[in-house]
Amino acid sequence: MNTRKPNAEATTEPIKVPPTNAPASTLPEFLRLPPPGRLCAYTGLSRSYLNSLILPSESNAGKPAVKSFVIRRRGARTGVRLLDYRSLRDFILAHAESGAKGEVAK
């Protein structure tokens, strides 16, 4: 059934959409480790390399370079490990190689 009035005027005015509260390019606060065999969607780093950055080991003298957190239910042996995105980004930028003119790529 057509509910449009036959003599109603059409308009060419653009539709105004109210802005959302989220910024245009939203970056995550935390990242989850990618599944085995897959790369991180934000950094392109492998799961094993991310693990080497977040877990204490002899190679990092027991002090991981990137902050991470484990969320578990009470009494559970396993949980979800989340990486602090800002800490990972800071690590990547601190280890970025200089470009041809001595500038770090942004």
C-alpha atoms as a PDB file:
ATOM      1  CA  MET A   1       0.000   0.000   0.000  1.00  0.00           C
ATOM      2  CA  ASN A   2       1.390   3.380  -0.998  1.00  0.00           C
ATOM      3  CA  THR A   3       1.248   5.859   1.905  1.00  0.00           C
ATOM      4  CA  ARG A   4       2.729   8.762  -0.042  1.00  0.00           C
ATOM      5  CA  LYS A   5       0.367  11.634  -0.737  1.00  0.00           C
ATOM      6  CA  PRO A   6      -0.049  12.233  -4.476  1.00  0.00           C
ATOM      7  CA  ASN A   7       0.502  16.000  -4.249  1.00  0.00           C
ATOM      8  CA  ALA A   8       3.349  15.939  -1.686  1.00  0.00           C
ATOM      9  CA  GLU A   9       6.380  17.962  -2.688  1.00  0.00           C
ATOM     10  CA  ALA A  10       9.705  16.211  -3.107  1.00  0.00           C
ATOM     11  CA  THR A  11      12.832  17.755  -1.671  1.00  0.00           C
ATOM     12  CA  THR A  12      16.454  17.713  -2.671  1.00  0.00           C
ATOM     13  CA  GLU A  13      17.673  18.756   0.772  1.00  0.00           C
ATOM     14  CA  PRO A  14      20.338  16.413   2.128  1.00  0.00           C
ATOM     15  CA  ILE A  15      19.419  14.324   5.127  1.00  0.00           C
ATOM     16  CA  LYS A  16      21.190  15.529   8.263  1.00  0.00           C
ATOM     17  CA  VAL A  17      22.647  12.722  10.347  1.00  0.00           C
ATOM     18  CA  PRO A  18      23.616  13.640  13.906  1.00  0.00           C
ATOM     19  CA  PRO A  19      27.277  12.968  14.760  1.00  0.00           C
ATOM     20  CA  THR A  20      28.152   9.937  16.839  1.00  0.00           C
ATOM     21  CA  ASN A  21      30.108  10.151  20.076  1.00  0.00           C
ATOM     22  CA  ALA A  22      32.936   7.999  18.708  1.00  0.00           C
ATOM     23  CA  PRO A  23      35.939   9.622  17.012  1.00  0.00           C
ATOM     24  CA  ALA A  24      36.411   9.082  13.275  1.00  0.00           C
ATOM     25  CA  SER A  25      39.298   6.623  13.642  1.00  0.00           C
ATOM     26  CA  THR A  26      38.786   4.611  16.798  1.00  0.00           C
ATOM     27  CA  LEU A  27      41.795   2.667  18.014  1.00  0.00           C
ATOM     28  CA  PRO A  28      41.349  -0.117  20.546  1.00  0.00           C
ATOM     29  CA  GLU A  29      42.511   0.120  24.141  1.00  0.00           C
ATOM     30  CA  PHE A  30      43.283  -3.606  24.230  1.00  0.00           C
ATOM     31  CA  LEU A  31      44.047  -6.278  21.631  1.00  0.00           C
ATOM     32  CA  ARG A  32      43.392  -9.978  21.859  1.00  0.00           C
ATOM     33  CA  LEU A  33      46.089 -12.346  20.630  1.00  0.00           C
ATOM     34  CA  PRO A  34      45.307 -13.521  17.096  1.00  0.00           C
ATOM     35  CA  PRO A  35      44.455 -17.193  16.552  1.00  0.00           C
ATOM     36  CA  PRO A  36      47.415 -19.510  15.843  1.00  0.00           C
ATOM     37  CA  GLY A  37      48.647 -19.146  12.269  1.00  0.00           C
ATOM     38  CA  ARG A  38      47.069 -15.702  11.824  1.00  0.00           C
ATOM     39  CA  LEU A  39      48.533 -12.201  12.049  1.00  0.00           C
ATOM     40  CA  CYS A  40      47.357  -9.341  14.233  1.00  0.00           C
ATOM     41  CA  ALA A  41      44.865  -7.211  12.294  1.00  0.00           C
ATOM     42  CA  TYR A  42      46.308  -3.940  13.670  1.00  0.00           C
ATOM     43  CA  THR A  43      50.068  -4.576  13.561  1.00  0.00           C
ATOM     44  CA  GLY A  44      50.617  -7.518  11.218  1.00  0.00           C
ATOM     45  CA  LEU A  45      52.714  -9.251  13.893  1.00  0.00           C
ATOM     46  CA  SER A  46      52.450 -12.992  14.451  1.00  0.00           C
ATOM     47  CA  ARG A  47      51.038 -14.562  17.595  1.00  0.00           C
ATOM     48  CA  SER A  48      54.416 -16.040  18.543  1.00  0.00           C
ATOM     49  CA  TYR A  49      56.196 -12.675  18.223  1.00  0.00           C
ATOM     50  CA  LEU A  50      53.496 -10.966  20.303  1.00  0.00           C
ATOM     51  CA  ASN A  51      53.911 -13.700  22.932  1.00  0.00           C
ATOM     52  CA  SER A  52      57.650 -13.013  23.047  1.00  0.00           C
ATOM     53  CA  LEU A  53      56.868  -9.349  23.775  1.00  0.00           C
ATOM     54  CA  ILE A  54      54.295  -9.948  26.529  1.00  0.00           C
ATOM     55  CA  LEU A  55      55.523 -13.012  28.432  1.00  0.00           C
ATOM     56  CA  PRO A  56      58.446 -12.938  30.876  1.00  0.00           C
ATOM     57  CA  SER A  57      61.402 -14.960  29.591  1.00  0.00           C
ATOM     58  CA  GLU A  58      65.189 -15.159  29.733  1.00  0.00           C
ATOM     59  CA  SER A  59      65.474 -13.116  26.528  1.00  0.00           C
ATOM     60  CA  ASN A  60      63.755 -10.121  28.166  1.00  0.00           C
ATOM     61  CA  ALA A  61      65.247 -10.693  31.659  1.00  0.00           C
ATOM     62  CA  GLY A  62      61.788 -11.479  33.040  1.00  0.00           C
ATOM     63  CA  LYS A  63      60.467  -8.009  32.176  1.00  0.00           C
ATOM     64  CA  PRO A  64      58.121  -8.045  29.163  1.00  0.00           C
ATOM     65  CA  ALA A  65      58.413  -5.080  26.788  1.00  0.00           C
ATOM     66  CA  VAL A  66      54.637  -4.818  26.296  1.00  0.00           C
ATOM     67  CA  LYS A  67      51.955  -4.783  29.006  1.00  0.00           C
ATOM     68  CA  SER A  68      49.323  -7.505  28.969  1.00  0.00           C
ATOM     69  CA  PHE A  69      46.543  -8.715  31.226  1.00  0.00           C
ATOM     70  CA  VAL A  70      44.794 -12.034  31.755  1.00  0.00           C
ATOM     71  CA  ILE A  71      41.054 -12.054  32.408  1.00  0.00           C
ATOM     72  CA  ARG A  72      39.878 -15.244  34.144  1.00  0.00           C
ATOM     73  CA  ARG A  73      36.875 -16.480  35.987  1.00  0.00           C
ATOM     74  CA  ARG A  74      37.453 -17.351  39.622  1.00  0.00           C
ATOM     75  CA  GLY A  75      39.134 -20.744  39.897  1.00  0.00           C
ATOM     76  CA  ALA A  76      39.742 -21.108  36.152  1.00  0.00           C
ATOM     77  CA  ARG A  77      43.149 -22.225  34.889  1.00  0.00           C
ATOM     78  CA  THR A  78      42.819 -20.479  31.554  1.00  0.00           C
ATOM     79  CA  GLY A  79      41.594 -17.070  30.535  1.00  0.00           C
ATOM     80  CA  VAL A  80      41.823 -14.427  27.840  1.00  0.00           C
ATOM     81  CA  ARG A  81      45.079 -12.513  27.439  1.00  0.00           C
ATOM     82  CA  LEU A  82      44.716  -8.898  26.352  1.00  0.00           C
ATOM     83  CA  LEU A  83      47.559  -6.677  25.154  1.00  0.00           C
ATOM     84  CA  ASP A  84      47.710  -3.002  26.000  1.00  0.00           C
ATOM     85  CA  TYR A  85      47.531  -1.400  22.535  1.00  0.00           C
ATOM     86  CA  ARG A  86      49.272   1.820  23.595  1.00  0.00           C
ATOM     87  CA  SER A  87      52.167  -0.136  25.123  1.00  0.00           C
ATOM     88  CA  LEU A  88      52.518  -2.234  21.942  1.00  0.00           C
ATOM     89  CA  ARG A  89      52.371   0.855  19.733  1.00  0.00           C
ATOM     90  CA  ASP A  90      54.997   2.638  21.855  1.00  0.00           C
ATOM     91  CA  PHE A  91      57.271  -0.415  21.589  1.00  0.00           C
ATOM     92  CA  ILE A  92      56.895  -0.514  17.800  1.00  0.00           C
ATOM     93  CA  LEU A  93      57.601   3.217  17.425  1.00  0.00           C
ATOM     94  CA  ALA A  94      60.623   3.006  19.744  1.00  0.00           C
ATOM     95  CA  HIS A  95      62.101   0.294  17.517  1.00  0.00           C
ATOM     96  CA  ALA A  96      61.164   1.792  14.146  1.00  0.00           C
ATOM     97  CA  GLU A  97      63.977   2.080  11.640  1.00  0.00           C
ATOM     98  CA  SER A  98      64.826   5.465  10.197  1.00  0.00           C
ATOM     99  CA  GLY A  99      63.815   6.267   6.639  1.00  0.00           C
ATOM    100  CA  ALA A 100      66.119   7.546   3.882  1.00  0.00           C
ATOM    101  CA  LYS A 101      66.148  11.092   5.310  1.00  0.00           C
ATOM    102  CA  GLY A 102      66.492   9.998   8.928  1.00  0.00           C
ATOM    103  CA  GLU A 103      62.780  10.289   9.682  1.00  0.00           C
ATOM    104  CA  VAL A 104      60.638   7.627  11.293  1.00  0.00           C
ATOM    105  CA  ALA A 105      57.713   6.606   9.090  1.00  0.00           C
ATOM    106  CA  LYS A 106      54.351   7.548  10.593  1.00  0.00           C
END
